[in-house]
């Protein structure tokens, strides 16, 4: 997805989803990590499949904190296997936890 389409379409949907999940604060994240601390997590494939939507995935974290670094180890259209590292994210661990979906496996 190009940058213009991302800003005009996806950003609004991502922000709505984040607003639904994080009403005023991410209480769980704040309880575990009350202050900013740099961290690193990995996006791990839970099963075999074909990758899609990496730009939207990265955008979630960039909307929460533009300084979040996302390094992909695959591209949209690639086949992945169970347990394969698809991306590494670096930044404020609170942002990384807040942007993570509960069904997604992240190794810290």
C-alpha atoms as a PDB file:
ATOM      1  CA  UNK A   1       0.000   0.000   0.000  1.00  0.00           C
ATOM      2  CA  UNK A   2       1.440   3.365  -0.939  1.00  0.00           C
ATOM      3  CA  UNK A   3       1.894   6.202   1.572  1.00  0.00           C
ATOM      4  CA  UNK A   4      -1.048   8.270   0.280  1.00  0.00           C
ATOM      5  CA  UNK A   5      -3.493   5.367   0.436  1.00  0.00           C
ATOM      6  CA  UNK A   6      -2.159   4.453   3.870  1.00  0.00           C
ATOM      7  CA  UNK A   7      -2.786   7.957   5.224  1.00  0.00           C
ATOM      8  CA  UNK A   8      -6.199   8.388   3.599  1.00  0.00           C
ATOM      9  CA  UNK A   9      -7.628   4.948   4.279  1.00  0.00           C
ATOM     10  CA  UNK A  10      -5.686   2.682   6.585  1.00  0.00           C
ATOM     11  CA  UNK A  11      -4.677   5.276   9.201  1.00  0.00           C
ATOM     12  CA  UNK A  12      -8.282   5.995  10.122  1.00  0.00           C
ATOM     13  CA  UNK A  13      -9.110   2.291  10.451  1.00  0.00           C
ATOM     14  CA  UNK A  14      -5.975   1.593  12.470  1.00  0.00           C
ATOM     15  CA  UNK A  15      -6.699   4.518  14.791  1.00  0.00           C
ATOM     16  CA  UNK A  16     -10.275   3.296  15.306  1.00  0.00           C
ATOM     17  CA  UNK A  17      -9.035  -0.181  16.196  1.00  0.00           C
ATOM     18  CA  UNK A  18      -6.406   1.211  18.579  1.00  0.00           C
ATOM     19  CA  UNK A  19      -8.976   3.522  20.190  1.00  0.00           C
ATOM     20  CA  UNK A  20     -11.255   0.532  20.781  1.00  0.00           C
ATOM     21  CA  UNK A  21      -8.449  -1.493  22.382  1.00  0.00           C
ATOM     22  CA  UNK A  22      -6.789   1.382  24.257  1.00  0.00           C
ATOM     23  CA  UNK A  23      -9.636   3.499  25.606  1.00  0.00           C
ATOM     24  CA  UNK A  24      -7.607   5.952  27.695  1.00  0.00           C
ATOM     25  CA  UNK A  25      -4.507   4.012  28.653  1.00  0.00           C
ATOM     26  CA  UNK A  26      -3.251   0.495  28.190  1.00  0.00           C
ATOM     27  CA  UNK A  27      -3.629  -0.436  31.867  1.00  0.00           C
ATOM     28  CA  UNK A  28      -1.957  -3.834  31.536  1.00  0.00           C
ATOM     29  CA  UNK A  29       1.088  -2.411  29.773  1.00  0.00           C
ATOM     30  CA  UNK A  30       1.369   0.463  32.266  1.00  0.00           C
ATOM     31  CA  UNK A  31       1.206  -1.984  35.176  1.00  0.00           C
ATOM     32  CA  UNK A  32       4.046  -4.063  33.751  1.00  0.00           C
ATOM     33  CA  UNK A  33       6.128  -1.189  32.351  1.00  0.00           C
ATOM     34  CA  UNK A  34       5.217   2.169  33.934  1.00  0.00           C
ATOM     35  CA  UNK A  35       8.070   4.116  32.296  1.00  0.00           C
ATOM     36  CA  UNK A  36       9.554   4.222  28.819  1.00  0.00           C
ATOM     37  CA  UNK A  37      12.202   1.588  28.226  1.00  0.00           C
ATOM     38  CA  UNK A  38      13.733   0.519  24.945  1.00  0.00           C
ATOM     39  CA  UNK A  39      13.022  -3.032  23.946  1.00  0.00           C
ATOM     40  CA  UNK A  40      12.942  -5.441  21.052  1.00  0.00           C
ATOM     41  CA  UNK A  41      10.307  -7.963  20.018  1.00  0.00           C
ATOM     42  CA  UNK A  42       9.933 -10.345  17.108  1.00  0.00           C
ATOM     43  CA  UNK A  43       6.888 -11.168  15.029  1.00  0.00           C
ATOM     44  CA  UNK A  44       6.820 -14.948  14.751  1.00  0.00           C
ATOM     45  CA  UNK A  45       4.667 -16.912  12.282  1.00  0.00           C
ATOM     46  CA  UNK A  46       2.212 -19.169  14.123  1.00  0.00           C
ATOM     47  CA  UNK A  47       1.744 -21.483  11.150  1.00  0.00           C
ATOM     48  CA  UNK A  48       2.668 -21.914   7.515  1.00  0.00           C
ATOM     49  CA  UNK A  49       1.188 -19.360   5.165  1.00  0.00           C
ATOM     50  CA  UNK A  50       1.686 -16.491   2.763  1.00  0.00           C
ATOM     51  CA  UNK A  51       2.574 -13.051   4.139  1.00  0.00           C
ATOM     52  CA  UNK A  52       0.244 -10.108   3.507  1.00  0.00           C
ATOM     53  CA  UNK A  53      -0.243  -6.681   5.087  1.00  0.00           C
ATOM     54  CA  UNK A  54       3.238  -5.902   6.377  1.00  0.00           C
ATOM     55  CA  UNK A  55       2.929  -2.189   5.632  1.00  0.00           C
ATOM     56  CA  UNK A  56      -0.257  -1.968   7.695  1.00  0.00           C
ATOM     57  CA  UNK A  57       1.406  -3.942  10.505  1.00  0.00           C
ATOM     58  CA  UNK A  58       4.304  -1.464  10.613  1.00  0.00           C
ATOM     59  CA  UNK A  59       1.948   1.515  10.399  1.00  0.00           C
ATOM     60  CA  UNK A  60       0.230   0.506  13.656  1.00  0.00           C
ATOM     61  CA  UNK A  61       3.497   0.958  15.531  1.00  0.00           C
ATOM     62  CA  UNK A  62       4.521   4.102  13.649  1.00  0.00           C
ATOM     63  CA  UNK A  63       1.201   5.762  14.519  1.00  0.00           C
ATOM     64  CA  UNK A  64       1.813   4.975  18.196  1.00  0.00           C
ATOM     65  CA  UNK A  65       5.434   6.166  18.041  1.00  0.00           C
ATOM     66  CA  UNK A  66       7.162   7.322  14.840  1.00  0.00           C
ATOM     67  CA  UNK A  67      10.521   6.321  16.353  1.00  0.00           C
ATOM     68  CA  UNK A  68       9.612   2.623  16.393  1.00  0.00           C
ATOM     69  CA  UNK A  69      11.952   0.685  14.111  1.00  0.00           C
ATOM     70  CA  UNK A  70      10.477  -2.209  12.135  1.00  0.00           C
ATOM     71  CA  UNK A  71      12.789  -4.551  10.235  1.00  0.00           C
ATOM     72  CA  UNK A  72      11.106  -7.132   8.030  1.00  0.00           C
ATOM     73  CA  UNK A  73      12.710 -10.498   7.374  1.00  0.00           C
ATOM     74  CA  UNK A  74      10.202 -11.341   4.640  1.00  0.00           C
ATOM     75  CA  UNK A  75       7.980  -9.535   2.135  1.00  0.00           C
ATOM     76  CA  UNK A  76       4.309  -9.627   1.213  1.00  0.00           C
ATOM     77  CA  UNK A  77       3.792 -12.697  -0.949  1.00  0.00           C
ATOM     78  CA  UNK A  78       6.560 -14.738   0.708  1.00  0.00           C
ATOM     79  CA  UNK A  79       5.777 -18.164   2.105  1.00  0.00           C
ATOM     80  CA  UNK A  80       6.573 -18.560   5.795  1.00  0.00           C
ATOM     81  CA  UNK A  81       6.762 -21.558   8.080  1.00  0.00           C
ATOM     82  CA  UNK A  82       5.655 -22.086  11.665  1.00  0.00           C
ATOM     83  CA  UNK A  83       8.123 -20.404  14.011  1.00  0.00           C
ATOM     84  CA  UNK A  84       9.768 -18.241  11.353  1.00  0.00           C
ATOM     85  CA  UNK A  85      10.760 -14.721  12.426  1.00  0.00           C
ATOM     86  CA  UNK A  86       8.937 -12.336  10.101  1.00  0.00           C
ATOM     87  CA  UNK A  87       9.935  -9.008  11.681  1.00  0.00           C
ATOM     88  CA  UNK A  88      11.938  -7.418  14.469  1.00  0.00           C
ATOM     89  CA  UNK A  89      10.621  -4.288  16.190  1.00  0.00           C
ATOM     90  CA  UNK A  90      12.682  -1.936  18.355  1.00  0.00           C
ATOM     91  CA  UNK A  91      11.381   0.930  20.453  1.00  0.00           C
ATOM     92  CA  UNK A  92       9.566   1.835  23.632  1.00  0.00           C
ATOM     93  CA  UNK A  93       8.435  -1.511  25.027  1.00  0.00           C
ATOM     94  CA  UNK A  94       5.109   0.067  26.042  1.00  0.00           C
ATOM     95  CA  UNK A  95       4.405   0.945  22.406  1.00  0.00           C
ATOM     96  CA  UNK A  96       5.405  -2.534  21.286  1.00  0.00           C
ATOM     97  CA  UNK A  97       3.039  -4.102  23.832  1.00  0.00           C
ATOM     98  CA  UNK A  98       0.201  -1.664  23.094  1.00  0.00           C
ATOM     99  CA  UNK A  99       0.370  -2.247  19.348  1.00  0.00           C
ATOM    100  CA  UNK A 100       0.525  -6.025  19.631  1.00  0.00           C
ATOM    101  CA  UNK A 101      -2.620  -8.015  19.041  1.00  0.00           C
ATOM    102  CA  UNK A 102      -3.327 -10.631  21.729  1.00  0.00           C
ATOM    103  CA  UNK A 103      -3.460 -13.438  19.146  1.00  0.00           C
ATOM    104  CA  UNK A 104      -0.044 -12.537  17.730  1.00  0.00           C
ATOM    105  CA  UNK A 105       3.013 -14.276  19.087  1.00  0.00           C
ATOM    106  CA  UNK A 106       5.838 -11.941  19.990  1.00  0.00           C
ATOM    107  CA  UNK A 107       9.048 -13.050  21.603  1.00  0.00           C
ATOM    108  CA  UNK A 108      10.728 -10.445  23.770  1.00  0.00           C
END
